Amino acid sequence: MRLSEEERAQLAREAGGEPLGTYIRVKVLDGSGQRKRRTGQPIEDRKALARLLGLLGKSELGAHLAELASAARSGSLPVDPETQTQLQETLADVRELRRLLMEALGLQMGGAAP
């Protein structure tokens, strides 16, 4: 496809750093203006989900909750049964959050869950 300098510059601005050929292909064939992966999610959504998953992993929240639950079960952490149940439910929630994020990203769970 032949473009004038002005047309090419305009498309490059719209592409926002994305390769021009890819941007044009998506624009022509998809019509949405957003590049998509095999999951059908816009790249921006996948990036946000990946960042969130990374932050969850870095926080070690699951590991800390598991330690608290273990300490509660062993009696080294003075808690009542209601607190112990809440800790175990919170850990289950974190695991479910991780599972849902992995599923949304189209990734498979590998290794130990938090």
N, C-alpha and C. Protein backbone atom coordinates (compact mmCIF):
# COMPACT_ATOMS: atom_id res chain seq x y z
N MET A 1 0.85 -1.16 0.00
CA MET A 1 0.00 0.00 0.00
C MET A 1 0.90 1.23 0.00
N ARG A 2 0.59 2.16 -0.82
CA ARG A 2 1.39 3.38 -0.90
C ARG A 2 0.73 4.47 -0.07
N LEU A 3 1.56 5.16 0.69
CA LEU A 3 1.09 6.23 1.56
C LEU A 3 1.91 7.48 1.34
N SER A 4 1.27 8.62 1.48
CA SER A 4 2.04 9.87 1.46
C SER A 4 2.78 9.98 2.79
N GLU A 5 3.73 10.87 2.87
CA GLU A 5 4.48 11.09 4.11
C GLU A 5 3.51 11.45 5.24
N GLU A 6 2.54 12.29 4.93
CA GLU A 6 1.57 12.74 5.93
C GLU A 6 0.70 11.58 6.42
N GLU A 7 0.24 10.75 5.48
CA GLU A 7 -0.59 9.59 5.85
C GLU A 7 0.19 8.62 6.72
N ARG A 8 1.44 8.38 6.33
CA ARG A 8 2.29 7.47 7.10
C ARG A 8 2.53 8.00 8.51
N ALA A 9 2.80 9.30 8.62
CA ALA A 9 3.03 9.92 9.93
C ALA A 9 1.78 9.83 10.80
N GLN A 10 0.61 10.05 10.20
CA GLN A 10 -0.65 9.97 10.95
C GLN A 10 -0.87 8.55 11.46
N LEU A 11 -0.66 7.55 10.61
CA LEU A 11 -0.84 6.16 11.03
C LEU A 11 0.17 5.78 12.11
N ALA A 12 1.40 6.27 11.98
CA ALA A 12 2.43 5.98 13.00
C ALA A 12 2.01 6.56 14.35
N ARG A 13 1.44 7.76 14.34
CA ARG A 13 0.95 8.36 15.61
C ARG A 13 -0.17 7.51 16.20
N GLU A 14 -1.10 7.11 15.36
CA GLU A 14 -2.23 6.30 15.82
C GLU A 14 -1.76 4.95 16.35
N ALA A 15 -0.72 4.40 15.73
CA ALA A 15 -0.21 3.09 16.14
C ALA A 15 0.45 3.15 17.51
N GLY A 16 0.91 4.32 17.91
CA GLY A 16 1.46 4.49 19.25
C GLY A 16 2.63 3.57 19.57
N GLY A 17 3.56 3.39 18.64
CA GLY A 17 4.72 2.55 18.91
C GLY A 17 4.57 1.11 18.43
N GLU A 18 3.37 0.72 18.13
CA GLU A 18 3.13 -0.63 17.59
C GLU A 18 3.66 -0.65 16.15
N PRO A 19 4.17 -1.79 15.68
CA PRO A 19 4.64 -1.84 14.29
C PRO A 19 3.52 -1.41 13.34
N LEU A 20 3.87 -0.57 12.39
CA LEU A 20 2.87 0.01 11.50
C LEU A 20 2.12 -1.06 10.71
N GLY A 21 2.82 -2.06 10.21
CA GLY A 21 2.17 -3.13 9.46
C GLY A 21 1.13 -3.87 10.30
N THR A 22 1.48 -4.13 11.56
CA THR A 22 0.54 -4.81 12.46
C THR A 22 -0.67 -3.94 12.72
N TYR A 23 -0.42 -2.66 12.97
CA TYR A 23 -1.52 -1.73 13.25
C TYR A 23 -2.48 -1.67 12.07
N ILE A 24 -1.94 -1.54 10.87
CA ILE A 24 -2.79 -1.44 9.68
C ILE A 24 -3.57 -2.74 9.47
N ARG A 25 -2.89 -3.88 9.64
CA ARG A 25 -3.55 -5.18 9.47
C ARG A 25 -4.75 -5.31 10.42
N VAL A 26 -4.54 -4.95 11.69
CA VAL A 26 -5.62 -5.05 12.67
C VAL A 26 -6.74 -4.07 12.32
N LYS A 27 -6.36 -2.89 11.93
CA LYS A 27 -7.34 -1.86 11.57
C LYS A 27 -8.21 -2.32 10.39
N VAL A 28 -7.57 -2.90 9.39
CA VAL A 28 -8.28 -3.31 8.18
C VAL A 28 -9.10 -4.58 8.42
N LEU A 29 -8.51 -5.57 9.07
CA LEU A 29 -9.18 -6.86 9.21
C LEU A 29 -10.10 -6.95 10.41
N ASP A 30 -9.74 -6.30 11.50
CA ASP A 30 -10.51 -6.42 12.74
C ASP A 30 -11.50 -5.27 12.90
N GLY A 31 -11.07 -4.09 12.55
CA GLY A 31 -11.95 -2.94 12.65
C GLY A 31 -12.04 -2.33 14.02
N SER A 32 -11.57 -3.01 15.06
CA SER A 32 -11.70 -2.48 16.42
C SER A 32 -10.59 -1.51 16.76
N GLY A 33 -9.49 -1.59 16.05
CA GLY A 33 -8.37 -0.72 16.36
C GLY A 33 -7.53 -1.21 17.52
N GLN A 34 -7.91 -2.32 18.12
CA GLN A 34 -7.13 -2.89 19.22
C GLN A 34 -6.56 -4.23 18.79
N ARG A 35 -5.26 -4.38 19.03
CA ARG A 35 -4.62 -5.66 18.74
C ARG A 35 -5.07 -6.68 19.76
N LYS A 36 -5.32 -7.89 19.32
CA LYS A 36 -5.80 -8.92 20.23
C LYS A 36 -4.91 -10.14 20.14
N ARG A 37 -4.86 -10.89 21.24
CA ARG A 37 -4.11 -12.15 21.28
C ARG A 37 -5.10 -13.28 21.11
N ARG A 38 -4.60 -14.49 21.23
CA ARG A 38 -5.45 -15.67 21.04
C ARG A 38 -6.59 -15.74 22.03
N THR A 39 -6.47 -15.08 23.19
CA THR A 39 -7.57 -15.09 24.16
C THR A 39 -8.69 -14.16 23.73
N GLY A 40 -8.42 -13.28 22.76
CA GLY A 40 -9.42 -12.33 22.33
C GLY A 40 -9.44 -11.08 23.18
N GLN A 41 -8.57 -11.01 24.17
CA GLN A 41 -8.52 -9.83 25.03
C GLN A 41 -7.60 -8.79 24.43
N PRO A 42 -7.97 -7.51 24.56
CA PRO A 42 -7.05 -6.47 24.12
C PRO A 42 -5.74 -6.57 24.91
N ILE A 43 -4.65 -6.20 24.27
CA ILE A 43 -3.34 -6.28 24.91
C ILE A 43 -3.32 -5.48 26.20
N GLU A 44 -3.99 -4.33 26.25
CA GLU A 44 -4.00 -3.50 27.45
C GLU A 44 -4.58 -4.27 28.63
N ASP A 45 -5.64 -5.04 28.39
CA ASP A 45 -6.25 -5.85 29.46
C ASP A 45 -5.29 -6.92 29.93
N ARG A 46 -4.62 -7.57 28.99
CA ARG A 46 -3.67 -8.62 29.36
C ARG A 46 -2.50 -8.04 30.16
N LYS A 47 -2.04 -6.86 29.77
CA LYS A 47 -0.94 -6.23 30.50
C LYS A 47 -1.37 -5.89 31.93
N ALA A 48 -2.58 -5.37 32.08
CA ALA A 48 -3.08 -5.03 33.41
C ALA A 48 -3.22 -6.28 34.27
N LEU A 49 -3.75 -7.34 33.69
CA LEU A 49 -3.89 -8.59 34.42
C LEU A 49 -2.53 -9.16 34.81
N ALA A 50 -1.58 -9.09 33.90
CA ALA A 50 -0.24 -9.59 34.19
C ALA A 50 0.41 -8.78 35.31
N ARG A 51 0.25 -7.47 35.29
CA ARG A 51 0.80 -6.63 36.37
C ARG A 51 0.17 -6.99 37.70
N LEU A 52 -1.15 -7.17 37.69
CA LEU A 52 -1.85 -7.53 38.92
C LEU A 52 -1.37 -8.88 39.45
N LEU A 53 -1.21 -9.84 38.56
CA LEU A 53 -0.72 -11.16 38.97
C LEU A 53 0.70 -11.06 39.53
N GLY A 54 1.53 -10.24 38.90
CA GLY A 54 2.88 -10.04 39.38
C GLY A 54 2.91 -9.41 40.77
N LEU A 55 2.06 -8.41 40.98
CA LEU A 55 1.99 -7.76 42.29
C LEU A 55 1.50 -8.74 43.36
N LEU A 56 0.55 -9.58 42.99
CA LEU A 56 0.06 -10.58 43.93
C LEU A 56 1.19 -11.53 44.32
N GLY A 57 1.98 -11.95 43.35
CA GLY A 57 3.10 -12.85 43.63
C GLY A 57 4.18 -12.18 44.46
N LYS A 58 4.49 -10.92 44.15
CA LYS A 58 5.53 -10.20 44.88
C LYS A 58 5.12 -9.92 46.32
N SER A 59 3.84 -9.76 46.55
CA SER A 59 3.38 -9.41 47.89
C SER A 59 3.58 -10.54 48.89
N GLU A 60 3.71 -11.77 48.41
CA GLU A 60 3.84 -12.95 49.24
C GLU A 60 2.68 -13.06 50.24
N LEU A 61 1.57 -12.44 49.87
CA LEU A 61 0.39 -12.45 50.73
C LEU A 61 -0.06 -13.87 51.03
N GLY A 62 -0.10 -14.70 50.00
CA GLY A 62 -0.53 -16.09 50.21
C GLY A 62 0.38 -16.83 51.17
N ALA A 63 1.69 -16.64 51.03
CA ALA A 63 2.64 -17.31 51.91
C ALA A 63 2.48 -16.84 53.35
N HIS A 64 2.29 -15.53 53.52
CA HIS A 64 2.10 -15.00 54.88
C HIS A 64 0.81 -15.51 55.52
N LEU A 65 -0.24 -15.58 54.72
CA LEU A 65 -1.50 -16.10 55.24
C LEU A 65 -1.36 -17.59 55.59
N ALA A 66 -0.63 -18.33 54.78
CA ALA A 66 -0.42 -19.75 55.07
C ALA A 66 0.37 -19.91 56.37
N GLU A 67 1.37 -19.06 56.59
CA GLU A 67 2.13 -19.11 57.83
C GLU A 67 1.24 -18.81 59.04
N LEU A 68 0.39 -17.80 58.90
CA LEU A 68 -0.53 -17.46 59.99
C LEU A 68 -1.49 -18.62 60.28
N ALA A 69 -2.02 -19.21 59.22
CA ALA A 69 -2.96 -20.33 59.41
C ALA A 69 -2.25 -21.51 60.07
N SER A 70 -1.01 -21.78 59.65
CA SER A 70 -0.24 -22.87 60.24
C SER A 70 0.07 -22.60 61.71
N ALA A 71 0.46 -21.37 62.02
CA ALA A 71 0.75 -21.00 63.41
C ALA A 71 -0.52 -21.10 64.25
N ALA A 72 -1.65 -20.72 63.66
CA ALA A 72 -2.91 -20.82 64.38
C ALA A 72 -3.26 -22.28 64.67
N ARG A 73 -3.05 -23.16 63.68
CA ARG A 73 -3.35 -24.58 63.87
C ARG A 73 -2.43 -25.21 64.92
N SER A 74 -1.17 -24.81 64.93
CA SER A 74 -0.20 -25.42 65.86
C SER A 74 -0.31 -24.84 67.28
N GLY A 75 -1.04 -23.74 67.43
CA GLY A 75 -1.21 -23.16 68.75
C GLY A 75 -0.16 -22.12 69.10
N SER A 76 0.79 -21.85 68.20
CA SER A 76 1.82 -20.84 68.49
C SER A 76 1.31 -19.42 68.25
N LEU A 77 0.15 -19.30 67.67
CA LEU A 77 -0.50 -18.00 67.48
C LEU A 77 -1.82 -18.05 68.24
N PRO A 78 -1.92 -17.24 69.29
CA PRO A 78 -3.15 -17.32 70.09
C PRO A 78 -4.35 -16.72 69.35
N VAL A 79 -5.17 -17.60 68.79
CA VAL A 79 -6.39 -17.16 68.10
C VAL A 79 -7.53 -18.11 68.47
N ASP A 80 -8.71 -17.59 68.29
CA ASP A 80 -9.87 -18.44 68.55
C ASP A 80 -10.28 -19.14 67.26
N PRO A 81 -11.18 -20.10 67.33
CA PRO A 81 -11.59 -20.84 66.12
C PRO A 81 -12.15 -19.94 65.02
N GLU A 82 -12.83 -18.88 65.40
CA GLU A 82 -13.39 -17.98 64.39
C GLU A 82 -12.28 -17.28 63.60
N THR A 83 -11.23 -16.84 64.29
CA THR A 83 -10.10 -16.19 63.62
C THR A 83 -9.38 -17.18 62.72
N GLN A 84 -9.21 -18.39 63.18
CA GLN A 84 -8.56 -19.43 62.38
C GLN A 84 -9.35 -19.68 61.10
N THR A 85 -10.66 -19.75 61.22
CA THR A 85 -11.52 -19.96 60.05
C THR A 85 -11.39 -18.80 59.08
N GLN A 86 -11.36 -17.57 59.61
CA GLN A 86 -11.22 -16.39 58.76
C GLN A 86 -9.88 -16.41 58.00
N LEU A 87 -8.82 -16.82 58.69
CA LEU A 87 -7.51 -16.90 58.04
C LEU A 87 -7.53 -17.93 56.91
N GLN A 88 -8.14 -19.08 57.17
CA GLN A 88 -8.19 -20.12 56.14
C GLN A 88 -9.07 -19.68 54.97
N GLU A 89 -10.15 -18.97 55.24
CA GLU A 89 -11.01 -18.49 54.17
C GLU A 89 -10.29 -17.42 53.34
N THR A 90 -9.52 -16.57 54.00
CA THR A 90 -8.76 -15.54 53.30
C THR A 90 -7.72 -16.18 52.39
N LEU A 91 -7.04 -17.19 52.87
CA LEU A 91 -6.07 -17.91 52.04
C LEU A 91 -6.76 -18.53 50.83
N ALA A 92 -7.92 -19.12 51.03
CA ALA A 92 -8.67 -19.70 49.92
C ALA A 92 -9.06 -18.62 48.91
N ASP A 93 -9.43 -17.44 49.40
CA ASP A 93 -9.78 -16.33 48.51
C ASP A 93 -8.58 -15.90 47.66
N VAL A 94 -7.40 -15.83 48.28
CA VAL A 94 -6.19 -15.45 47.55
C VAL A 94 -5.87 -16.49 46.49
N ARG A 95 -6.00 -17.75 46.83
CA ARG A 95 -5.76 -18.81 45.84
C ARG A 95 -6.74 -18.72 44.68
N GLU A 96 -8.00 -18.43 44.98
CA GLU A 96 -9.01 -18.31 43.94
C GLU A 96 -8.72 -17.09 43.06
N LEU A 97 -8.30 -16.00 43.66
CA LEU A 97 -7.94 -14.80 42.91
C LEU A 97 -6.81 -15.12 41.93
N ARG A 98 -5.80 -15.83 42.39
CA ARG A 98 -4.68 -16.21 41.54
C ARG A 98 -5.17 -17.12 40.40
N ARG A 99 -6.01 -18.09 40.73
CA ARG A 99 -6.53 -18.99 39.71
C ARG A 99 -7.31 -18.23 38.63
N LEU A 100 -8.15 -17.30 39.06
CA LEU A 100 -8.94 -16.51 38.11
C LEU A 100 -8.06 -15.62 37.24
N LEU A 101 -7.03 -15.03 37.83
CA LEU A 101 -6.11 -14.21 37.05
C LEU A 101 -5.37 -15.05 36.02
N MET A 102 -4.90 -16.21 36.43
CA MET A 102 -4.20 -17.09 35.50
C MET A 102 -5.14 -17.51 34.36
N GLU A 103 -6.37 -17.82 34.70
CA GLU A 103 -7.36 -18.22 33.70
C GLU A 103 -7.63 -17.06 32.74
N ALA A 104 -7.78 -15.84 33.28
CA ALA A 104 -8.05 -14.67 32.45
C ALA A 104 -6.90 -14.39 31.50
N LEU A 105 -5.68 -14.70 31.92
CA LEU A 105 -4.50 -14.50 31.08
C LEU A 105 -4.28 -15.66 30.11
N GLY A 106 -5.06 -16.72 30.26
CA GLY A 106 -4.90 -17.88 29.39
C GLY A 106 -3.68 -18.71 29.76
N LEU A 107 -3.24 -18.61 31.02
CA LEU A 107 -2.06 -19.35 31.50
C LEU A 107 -2.51 -20.54 32.33
N GLN A 108 -1.61 -21.52 32.47
CA GLN A 108 -1.90 -22.67 33.29
C GLN A 108 -1.17 -22.56 34.61
N MET A 109 -1.81 -23.02 35.65
CA MET A 109 -1.19 -23.01 36.97
C MET A 109 -0.05 -24.01 36.97
N GLY A 110 1.07 -23.61 37.51
CA GLY A 110 2.22 -24.51 37.61
C GLY A 110 2.87 -24.32 38.96
N GLY A 111 3.36 -25.39 39.55
CA GLY A 111 4.02 -25.27 40.84
C GLY A 111 3.02 -25.09 41.95
N ALA A 112 3.54 -24.72 43.10
CA ALA A 112 2.71 -24.58 44.29
C ALA A 112 1.94 -23.27 44.24
N ALA A 113 0.69 -23.32 44.62
CA ALA A 113 -0.12 -22.12 44.72
C ALA A 113 0.21 -21.43 46.03
N PRO A 114 -0.01 -20.08 46.07
CA PRO A 114 0.30 -19.36 47.30
C PRO A 114 -0.56 -19.81 48.45
